[in-house]
Amino acid sequence: MRSASALVAGLVCLICPAFAEDFTTLKGHGGPIMGIAVSESGEVASASFDNSVGRWRDLTPTWLEGHAAAVVDLIFLPDGRIASGSDDFSVWIWEGSEGRELGRHKGKVTDLAVSRDGMLLASASWDGTIGLWSLTDPGAAPVMLELRDTGANDVIFSPDGKLLYVATSKGDILVFDLSALNGSPPRTLVRYGFAINEMVLSPDGSWIAYGAVDGVTLVIDSRTGAELHDFTLDRRPVLAMAYHGETRNLAIGDGHGYIAVISTESWRIDRDFLATRKGPVWALAFSPDGSVIWAGGLDSVVYGWPVELLDRFEPSMGTSHSFLQSPETMSNGERQFMRKCSICHAIEAGESRKAGPNLSGVFGRPAGTVPGYRYSGILDGSEIVWTEETIDALFNLGPDNYIPGSKMPMQQIAAPEDRRDLIDFLKTATAIGD
């Protein structure tokens, strides 16, 4: 298998032919990219809103299917397996193309971390717990660490595996001493006040970089919490971080579409790249040699740029989805579809990798009957038939009230005229010709 750097060569550049050898796209997902991981050999894995994990060998994906909702994070384990966490509350382990559910939380899984010795996997969840899972004893029950009145957004092991750092939705960084778990509360290292989304711990464990929902980006002493450096810019929220030990580069992605690369040798911003003018940067990872930065966001493509040339590229993320087109170019019904439905559903006949079933021919179709789509149990044998009346009720009440327990995200369209326009658009766009 070629290295991640070699993947860059010979591909078609979306920006200009002069940089064709320096720009990579991995295409095939059916929804936004939520997480990216890179193995020591350069293999790329991607987590997507389409409920799947993509495992890329060169440019060819193997789809790892098992989660029932968006996959939000994943990580390569030292033995080459992949762990993934999802909005369906579950943690999975994948070996090759085969997977099994390791266990479940009672809320969405937000982040995963593995100890350096490969013996322990940590999972953070919005249910306010951290799961500690044995990777050497599949039958062992997990240890669940309880937080107080907050969800967990991110989790990191210390280099020696004795400490566990947890970033919370309340704005704290907590430290658990794993060598002495006796039910006592964790130590509070940081009490910031706004949700902390991302953390990076230096390889020697001496500093932590963290990014918050309000855009604050700080580097602190991992023992005392003392502020060492401030890289806060007028961008919010901070959504992704990645670190490469050999090059000592720290990458930060935010809600304004930028990727900043900070040298932790000189502690200065070396590059500040606008990756997309439409939408956030949700996922970042470096290639093994640090020469390529992989990124993902609202569209369904994983992008790989050479770090040294970042400043020479124009924004390219956020161009592959029609829901990002200008609202002025669409009718109101199409706008409602693009905003509420298009991330999960295709309207054209044929196979689709999106998270929801294809809507082609939806009117008059019993719910839960698209061949090959894995529905939630509540829709198996449902008596609902999709008509103007039932679709109107679905968006008037919201899927969580109209079909409690379904996989459809919670959303409503309050205005009757907006629902009417959406239905009129769908009747035309999903009709199957004679």
Protein backbone atom coordinates (compact mmCIF):
# COMPACT_ATOMS: atom_id res chain seq x y z
CA MET A 1 0.00 0.00 0.00
CA ARG A 2 1.24 3.44 -0.86
CA SER A 3 1.82 6.00 1.88
CA ALA A 4 -0.58 8.88 2.44
CA SER A 5 1.93 11.22 0.79
CA ALA A 6 2.09 9.02 -2.30
CA LEU A 7 -1.71 9.13 -2.59
CA VAL A 8 -1.41 12.80 -3.41
CA ALA A 9 0.43 12.19 -6.67
CA GLY A 10 -1.37 11.95 -9.99
CA LEU A 11 -4.84 13.00 -8.86
CA VAL A 12 -7.11 15.56 -10.44
CA CYS A 13 -6.91 18.89 -8.65
CA LEU A 14 -10.20 20.66 -7.98
CA ILE A 15 -8.47 24.02 -7.92
CA CYS A 16 -5.97 24.31 -10.75
CA PRO A 17 -3.91 21.92 -12.92
CA ALA A 18 -0.60 23.32 -11.68
CA PHE A 19 -1.21 21.74 -8.26
CA ALA A 20 -2.73 18.48 -9.55
CA GLU A 21 -0.02 16.37 -7.97
CA ASP A 22 -0.55 17.95 -4.57
CA PHE A 23 -4.26 17.63 -3.88
CA THR A 24 -6.28 14.56 -2.88
CA THR A 25 -10.00 13.86 -2.58
CA LEU A 26 -11.58 10.68 -1.21
CA LYS A 27 -15.14 10.47 -2.52
CA GLY A 28 -17.97 8.04 -1.83
CA HIS A 29 -19.65 8.95 1.45
CA GLY A 30 -23.29 10.00 1.43
CA GLY A 31 -23.09 12.67 4.11
CA PRO A 32 -20.84 15.12 5.97
CA ILE A 33 -17.49 13.94 7.32
CA MET A 34 -17.48 13.91 11.12
CA GLY A 35 -14.13 12.27 11.92
CA ILE A 36 -10.86 11.20 10.29
CA ALA A 37 -8.12 8.85 11.51
CA VAL A 38 -4.84 7.82 9.88
CA SER A 39 -2.90 4.65 10.70
CA GLU A 40 0.86 4.42 11.11
CA SER A 41 1.05 2.95 7.59
CA GLY A 42 -0.94 5.86 6.10
CA GLU A 43 -4.33 4.21 5.74
CA VAL A 44 -7.17 6.74 6.05
CA ALA A 45 -10.46 6.02 7.81
CA SER A 46 -13.42 8.39 7.82
CA ALA A 47 -16.56 8.69 9.96
CA SER A 48 -19.66 10.10 8.33
CA PHE A 49 -23.17 11.35 8.92
CA ASP A 50 -24.22 8.56 6.51
CA ASN A 51 -23.91 6.08 9.44
CA SER A 52 -20.79 4.42 8.04
CA VAL A 53 -17.03 4.22 8.38
CA GLY A 54 -14.97 4.41 5.20
CA ARG A 55 -11.67 2.52 5.22
CA TRP A 56 -9.58 3.79 2.32
CA ARG A 57 -6.86 1.77 0.61
CA ASP A 58 -5.41 4.07 -2.01
CA LEU A 59 -8.63 5.65 -3.36
CA THR A 60 -10.89 2.62 -2.86
CA PRO A 61 -13.17 2.53 0.20
CA THR A 62 -14.39 -0.43 2.17
CA TRP A 63 -17.64 0.52 3.86
CA LEU A 64 -17.98 -0.57 7.48
CA GLU A 65 -21.71 -0.73 8.19
CA GLY A 66 -23.25 -1.38 11.58
CA HIS A 67 -24.10 1.89 13.29
CA ALA A 68 -27.71 3.04 13.19
CA ALA A 69 -26.93 6.78 13.25
CA ALA A 70 -24.16 9.21 12.36
CA VAL A 71 -20.62 8.03 13.15
CA VAL A 72 -18.95 10.97 14.88
CA ASP A 73 -15.51 9.69 15.83
CA LEU A 74 -13.09 6.86 15.10
CA ILE A 75 -9.56 5.84 15.96
CA PHE A 76 -6.98 3.33 14.77
CA LEU A 77 -5.89 0.96 17.52
CA PRO A 78 -2.21 -0.05 17.76
CA ASP A 79 -3.01 -3.52 16.35
CA GLY A 80 -4.62 -2.06 13.18
CA ARG A 81 -8.24 -2.43 14.22
CA ILE A 82 -10.59 0.58 14.19
CA ALA A 83 -12.86 1.75 16.99
CA SER A 84 -15.84 3.97 16.16
CA GLY A 85 -18.45 5.87 18.17
CA SER A 86 -21.85 7.07 17.06
CA ASP A 87 -24.94 9.12 17.71
CA ASP A 88 -26.67 5.75 18.20
CA PHE A 89 -24.92 5.56 21.64
CA SER A 90 -22.73 2.59 20.61
CA VAL A 91 -19.00 1.86 20.38
CA TRP A 92 -17.87 -0.62 17.72
CA ILE A 93 -14.61 -2.43 16.96
CA TRP A 94 -13.72 -3.26 13.35
CA GLU A 95 -11.21 -5.85 12.19
CA GLY A 96 -10.84 -5.68 8.42
CA SER A 97 -14.41 -5.28 7.16
CA GLU A 98 -16.01 -7.15 10.08
CA GLY A 99 -17.31 -5.33 13.12
CA ARG A 100 -18.93 -5.96 16.48
CA GLU A 101 -20.55 -3.75 19.05
CA LEU A 102 -18.26 -3.34 22.03
CA GLY A 103 -20.91 -1.70 24.19
CA ARG A 104 -23.26 1.23 24.62
CA HIS A 105 -23.74 4.48 26.47
CA LYS A 106 -27.09 6.11 27.29
CA GLY A 107 -26.32 9.11 25.09
CA LYS A 108 -24.36 10.07 22.01
CA VAL A 109 -20.71 9.02 21.88
CA THR A 110 -18.60 12.10 21.23
CA ASP A 111 -14.96 10.97 21.31
CA LEU A 112 -12.64 7.96 21.59
CA ALA A 113 -9.07 7.57 22.86
CA VAL A 114 -6.76 4.57 23.23
CA SER A 115 -3.99 4.11 25.78
CA ARG A 116 -0.47 4.00 24.37
CA ASP A 117 -0.08 0.30 25.30
CA GLY A 118 -3.27 -0.52 23.36
CA MET A 119 -4.94 -2.19 26.33
CA LEU A 120 -7.69 0.31 27.10
CA LEU A 121 -10.21 2.28 25.04
CA ALA A 122 -11.97 5.33 26.48
CA SER A 123 -15.29 6.62 25.14
CA ALA A 124 -16.79 10.00 26.02
CA SER A 125 -20.55 10.52 25.91
CA TRP A 126 -23.13 13.25 26.33
CA ASP A 127 -24.78 11.02 28.93
CA GLY A 128 -22.17 12.27 31.40
CA THR A 129 -20.05 9.13 31.51
CA ILE A 130 -16.68 7.93 30.31
CA GLY A 131 -16.49 4.25 29.35
CA LEU A 132 -13.23 2.37 29.90
CA TRP A 133 -13.21 -0.76 27.73
CA SER A 134 -10.67 -3.59 27.84
CA LEU A 135 -9.17 -4.29 24.41
CA THR A 136 -7.51 -7.50 25.58
CA ASP A 137 -10.47 -9.14 27.35
CA PRO A 138 -13.61 -8.87 25.15
CA GLY A 139 -15.80 -10.25 27.94
CA ALA A 140 -14.74 -7.77 30.59
CA ALA A 141 -17.38 -5.32 31.79
CA PRO A 142 -16.50 -1.68 31.20
CA VAL A 143 -15.64 0.71 33.99
CA MET A 144 -17.98 3.72 33.77
CA LEU A 145 -16.68 7.00 35.19
CA GLU A 146 -19.47 9.36 36.20
CA LEU A 147 -19.34 13.12 35.67
CA ARG A 148 -21.47 15.60 37.59
CA ASP A 149 -24.17 17.53 35.72
CA THR A 150 -22.29 17.66 32.42
CA GLY A 151 -21.62 15.75 29.25
CA ALA A 152 -18.20 14.73 27.98
CA ASN A 153 -16.93 16.16 24.69
CA ASP A 154 -13.36 14.85 24.48
CA VAL A 155 -11.04 12.45 26.26
CA ILE A 156 -7.26 11.80 26.26
CA PHE A 157 -4.94 9.36 28.05
CA SER A 158 -1.66 10.59 29.51
CA PRO A 159 1.43 9.03 27.86
CA ASP A 160 1.90 6.56 30.75
CA GLY A 161 -1.81 5.68 30.79
CA LYS A 162 -2.24 6.61 34.46
CA LEU A 163 -4.28 9.78 33.90
CA LEU A 164 -7.38 10.49 31.85
CA TYR A 165 -8.21 14.05 30.79
CA VAL A 166 -11.87 14.84 30.05
CA ALA A 167 -13.23 17.99 28.38
CA THR A 168 -16.83 18.74 29.31
CA SER A 169 -19.81 20.55 27.86
CA LYS A 170 -19.84 22.62 31.06
CA GLY A 171 -16.41 24.05 30.25
CA ASP A 172 -14.13 22.05 32.55
CA ILE A 173 -11.10 19.86 31.98
CA LEU A 174 -11.18 17.07 34.54
CA VAL A 175 -8.37 14.67 35.44
CA PHE A 176 -9.04 11.09 36.57
CA ASP A 177 -6.25 9.15 38.26
CA LEU A 178 -6.74 5.68 36.74
CA SER A 179 -4.26 4.10 39.11
CA ALA A 180 -6.47 4.92 42.10
CA LEU A 181 -10.12 4.75 41.04
CA ASN A 182 -11.98 4.64 44.34
CA GLY A 183 -15.11 6.61 43.59
CA SER A 184 -13.60 9.96 44.49
CA PRO A 185 -14.32 12.87 42.12
CA PRO A 186 -11.79 13.87 39.48
CA ARG A 187 -9.48 16.84 39.90
CA THR A 188 -10.54 19.99 38.06
CA LEU A 189 -7.62 21.25 35.96
CA VAL A 190 -9.51 23.98 34.06
CA ARG A 191 -12.81 25.71 34.82
CA TYR A 192 -13.44 27.81 31.75
CA GLY A 193 -17.23 28.23 31.61
CA PHE A 194 -17.89 27.60 27.92
CA ALA A 195 -18.02 24.09 26.47
CA ILE A 196 -14.58 22.73 25.60
CA ASN A 197 -14.85 20.77 22.36
CA GLU A 198 -11.33 19.55 21.59
CA MET A 199 -8.04 18.78 23.32
CA VAL A 200 -4.53 17.75 22.27
CA LEU A 201 -1.94 16.48 24.74
CA SER A 202 1.74 16.79 23.89
CA PRO A 203 3.64 13.50 23.43
CA ASP A 204 5.60 14.10 26.64
CA GLY A 205 2.43 15.05 28.53
CA SER A 206 3.67 18.50 29.51
CA TRP A 207 1.03 20.69 27.84
CA ILE A 208 -2.57 20.56 26.66
CA ALA A 209 -4.05 22.62 23.83
CA TYR A 210 -7.81 23.06 23.97
CA GLY A 211 -10.48 24.77 21.90
CA ALA A 212 -13.88 25.96 23.10
CA VAL A 213 -17.28 26.69 21.65
CA ASP A 214 -16.68 30.45 21.89
CA GLY A 215 -13.49 30.19 19.82
CA VAL A 216 -10.96 30.42 22.67
CA THR A 217 -7.84 28.37 21.90
CA LEU A 218 -5.33 28.05 24.73
CA VAL A 219 -2.25 26.00 25.56
CA ILE A 220 -1.89 25.19 29.26
CA ASP A 221 0.45 23.35 31.59
CA SER A 222 -1.03 19.86 31.97
CA ARG A 223 -0.10 19.68 35.65
CA THR A 224 -1.15 23.08 36.95
CA GLY A 225 -3.56 24.41 34.30
CA ALA A 226 -1.49 27.59 33.98
CA GLU A 227 -1.89 29.37 30.64
CA LEU A 228 1.19 29.09 28.41
CA HIS A 229 -0.01 30.42 25.01
CA ASP A 230 -3.15 32.01 23.59
CA PHE A 231 -4.06 31.43 19.93
CA THR A 232 -7.63 32.68 20.12
CA LEU A 233 -8.93 34.15 16.86
CA ASP A 234 -12.29 35.69 16.08
CA ARG A 235 -13.72 32.35 14.91
CA ARG A 236 -16.10 30.05 16.67
CA PRO A 237 -16.48 27.32 17.59
CA VAL A 238 -13.25 25.30 17.58
CA LEU A 239 -14.34 21.92 16.19
CA ALA A 240 -11.23 19.89 15.35
CA MET A 241 -7.61 19.51 16.45
CA ALA A 242 -4.74 17.29 15.34
CA TYR A 243 -1.06 17.07 16.31
CA HIS A 244 2.00 15.62 14.60
CA GLY A 245 4.88 14.85 16.94
CA GLU A 246 7.82 14.81 14.54
CA THR A 247 7.01 18.08 12.76
CA ARG A 248 5.58 19.52 16.01
CA ASN A 249 2.63 20.97 14.11
CA LEU A 250 -0.73 21.56 15.78
CA ALA A 251 -3.72 21.95 13.41
CA ILE A 252 -6.97 23.63 14.44
CA GLY A 253 -10.26 23.62 12.49
CA ASP A 254 -13.15 25.95 13.25
CA GLY A 255 -16.72 26.84 12.43
CA HIS A 256 -15.65 29.57 10.00
CA GLY A 257 -13.92 27.06 7.71
CA TYR A 258 -10.28 27.78 8.58
CA ILE A 259 -7.41 25.41 9.29
CA ALA A 260 -4.65 27.06 11.32
CA VAL A 261 -1.30 25.27 11.63
CA ILE A 262 0.72 26.24 14.71
CA SER A 263 4.37 25.38 15.19
CA THR A 264 4.78 24.19 18.78
CA GLU A 265 8.52 24.70 18.37
CA SER A 266 8.28 28.45 17.82
CA TRP A 267 4.72 28.80 19.20
CA ARG A 268 3.50 30.82 16.26
CA ILE A 269 0.85 30.36 13.56
CA ASP A 270 2.75 29.22 10.47
CA ARG A 271 -0.26 28.82 8.18
CA ASP A 272 -3.84 30.01 8.25
CA PHE A 273 -5.80 28.37 5.45
CA LEU A 274 -9.41 29.07 4.47
CA ALA A 275 -10.51 25.55 3.55
CA THR A 276 -14.16 26.40 2.88
CA ARG A 277 -16.31 29.49 2.58
CA LYS A 278 -19.39 27.39 3.35
CA GLY A 279 -19.51 25.51 6.59
CA PRO A 280 -17.17 24.27 9.30
CA VAL A 281 -14.10 22.04 9.48
CA TRP A 282 -15.21 19.10 11.61
CA ALA A 283 -12.33 16.64 11.24
CA LEU A 284 -8.53 16.83 10.95
CA ALA A 285 -5.69 14.30 10.87
CA PHE A 286 -2.05 14.32 9.75
CA SER A 287 -0.40 11.75 7.50
CA PRO A 288 2.29 9.65 9.26
CA ASP A 289 5.12 11.86 8.00
CA GLY A 290 3.20 15.07 8.69
CA SER A 291 3.34 16.27 5.10
CA VAL A 292 -0.42 16.02 4.44
CA ILE A 293 -3.35 17.36 6.45
CA TRP A 294 -6.62 15.47 5.95
CA ALA A 295 -9.85 17.39 6.57
CA GLY A 296 -13.61 16.93 6.42
CA GLY A 297 -16.71 19.03 6.87
CA LEU A 298 -20.22 19.59 5.57
CA ASP A 299 -19.77 17.95 2.18
CA SER A 300 -19.19 14.23 1.73
CA VAL A 301 -15.54 14.36 0.63
CA VAL A 302 -12.32 13.81 2.59
CA TYR A 303 -9.66 16.30 1.45
CA GLY A 304 -5.90 15.96 1.70
CA TRP A 305 -3.62 18.99 1.28
CA PRO A 306 0.18 19.22 1.53
CA VAL A 307 0.90 21.26 4.64
CA GLU A 308 3.74 23.21 3.02
CA LEU A 309 1.48 24.43 0.19
CA LEU A 310 -1.68 25.23 2.15
CA ASP A 311 -1.42 28.97 1.62
CA ARG A 312 -1.36 28.50 -2.16
CA PHE A 313 -4.80 26.87 -2.42
CA GLU A 314 -8.21 28.44 -2.79
CA PRO A 315 -11.11 27.18 -0.61
CA SER A 316 -12.41 23.88 -1.99
CA MET A 317 -14.42 22.20 0.77
CA GLY A 318 -18.15 22.75 0.77
CA THR A 319 -18.64 22.47 -2.99
CA SER A 320 -20.09 18.99 -3.47
CA HIS A 321 -23.53 19.30 -1.86
CA SER A 322 -26.50 21.04 -3.41
CA PHE A 323 -27.79 22.07 0.04
CA LEU A 324 -24.94 24.60 0.09
CA GLN A 325 -26.11 26.42 -3.03
CA SER A 326 -27.47 29.94 -2.78
CA PRO A 327 -31.07 30.03 -1.42
CA GLU A 328 -31.98 32.69 -3.97
CA THR A 329 -31.62 30.13 -6.76
CA MET A 330 -34.29 27.80 -5.31
CA SER A 331 -38.05 27.81 -4.80
CA ASN A 332 -39.29 27.83 -1.21
CA GLY A 333 -40.18 24.14 -1.38
CA GLU A 334 -36.71 23.22 -2.61
CA ARG A 335 -35.15 25.40 0.10
CA GLN A 336 -37.13 23.52 2.75
CA PHE A 337 -35.96 20.21 1.30
CA MET A 338 -32.32 21.31 1.16
CA ARG A 339 -32.40 22.59 4.73
CA LYS A 340 -34.39 19.80 6.36
CA CYS A 341 -34.00 16.67 4.25
CA SER A 342 -31.16 16.68 1.71
CA ILE A 343 -28.32 15.70 4.05
CA CYS A 344 -30.09 12.42 4.83
CA HIS A 345 -32.19 11.70 1.73
CA ALA A 346 -31.68 11.43 -2.02
CA ILE A 347 -34.61 12.06 -4.33
CA GLU A 348 -33.16 10.51 -7.47
CA ALA A 349 -33.87 6.83 -8.11
CA GLY A 350 -30.96 4.43 -7.60
CA GLU A 351 -28.51 3.51 -4.88
CA SER A 352 -27.62 6.15 -2.32
CA ARG A 353 -25.11 6.17 0.53
CA LYS A 354 -27.05 8.77 2.49
CA ALA A 355 -28.17 8.17 6.06
CA GLY A 356 -31.87 7.96 5.19
CA PRO A 357 -33.85 5.94 2.64
CA ASN A 358 -34.26 7.12 -0.95
CA LEU A 359 -37.36 9.29 -1.44
CA SER A 360 -37.92 8.40 -5.09
CA GLY A 361 -41.55 7.32 -5.39
CA VAL A 362 -42.27 8.15 -1.76
CA PHE A 363 -45.91 9.19 -2.21
CA GLY A 364 -48.16 6.19 -1.68
CA ARG A 365 -45.30 4.08 -0.27
CA PRO A 366 -45.72 2.33 3.11
CA ALA A 367 -43.16 3.53 5.63
CA GLY A 368 -40.19 1.25 6.24
CA THR A 369 -40.27 -0.55 2.88
CA VAL A 370 -37.30 0.65 0.80
CA PRO A 371 -35.37 -2.54 -0.06
CA GLY A 372 -31.92 -2.81 1.51
CA TYR A 373 -32.32 0.07 3.97
CA ARG A 374 -31.91 -0.78 7.66
CA TYR A 375 -34.86 0.87 9.38
CA SER A 376 -35.33 1.34 13.10
CA GLY A 377 -37.56 -1.28 14.68
CA ILE A 378 -40.42 1.16 15.17
CA LEU A 379 -40.98 1.31 11.39
CA ASP A 380 -40.94 -2.45 10.80
CA GLY A 381 -44.58 -3.31 10.15
CA SER A 382 -45.70 0.31 10.50
CA GLU A 383 -49.13 1.17 9.17
CA ILE A 384 -48.00 4.64 8.02
CA VAL A 385 -48.30 5.35 4.28
CA TRP A 386 -46.54 8.46 2.99
CA THR A 387 -49.13 10.91 1.64
CA GLU A 388 -49.57 14.66 1.66
CA GLU A 389 -51.34 14.35 5.03
CA THR A 390 -48.77 12.10 6.75
CA ILE A 391 -45.77 14.10 5.49
CA ASP A 392 -47.46 17.29 6.70
CA ALA A 393 -48.03 15.69 10.11
CA LEU A 394 -44.43 14.42 10.24
CA PHE A 395 -43.01 17.94 9.97
CA ASN A 396 -45.79 19.65 11.91
CA LEU A 397 -45.30 17.47 15.01
CA GLY A 398 -41.64 16.57 14.40
CA PRO A 399 -40.40 13.01 13.77
CA ASP A 400 -39.66 12.46 17.48
CA ASN A 401 -43.36 12.98 18.26
CA TYR A 402 -44.93 11.55 15.12
CA ILE A 403 -42.80 8.39 15.10
CA PRO A 404 -41.21 8.12 18.57
CA GLY A 405 -38.10 5.95 18.50
CA SER A 406 -37.29 6.41 14.82
CA LYS A 407 -33.83 7.40 13.56
CA MET A 408 -35.07 10.64 12.00
CA PRO A 409 -33.52 13.73 13.62
CA MET A 410 -35.67 16.03 15.71
CA GLN A 411 -36.93 18.90 13.57
CA GLN A 412 -40.12 20.71 12.67
CA ILE A 413 -41.39 23.04 9.96
CA ALA A 414 -43.66 25.38 11.87
CA ALA A 415 -45.26 27.39 9.07
CA PRO A 416 -48.09 25.58 7.22
CA GLU A 417 -47.15 27.31 3.95
CA ASP A 418 -43.58 26.04 4.21
CA ARG A 419 -44.84 22.48 4.71
CA ARG A 420 -47.19 22.91 1.77
CA ASP A 421 -44.37 24.15 -0.47
CA LEU A 422 -42.13 21.25 0.61
CA ILE A 423 -44.85 18.72 -0.22
CA ASP A 424 -45.45 20.31 -3.62
CA PHE A 425 -41.72 20.16 -4.37
CA LEU A 426 -41.49 16.52 -3.27
CA LYS A 427 -44.49 15.48 -5.38
CA THR A 428 -42.69 16.68 -8.48
CA ALA A 429 -39.09 15.82 -7.57
CA THR A 430 -39.78 12.26 -6.36
CA ALA A 431 -42.30 11.25 -9.01
CA ILE A 432 -41.37 8.16 -11.00
CA GLY A 433 -42.04 8.52 -14.72
CA ASP A 434 -44.17 6.11 -16.68
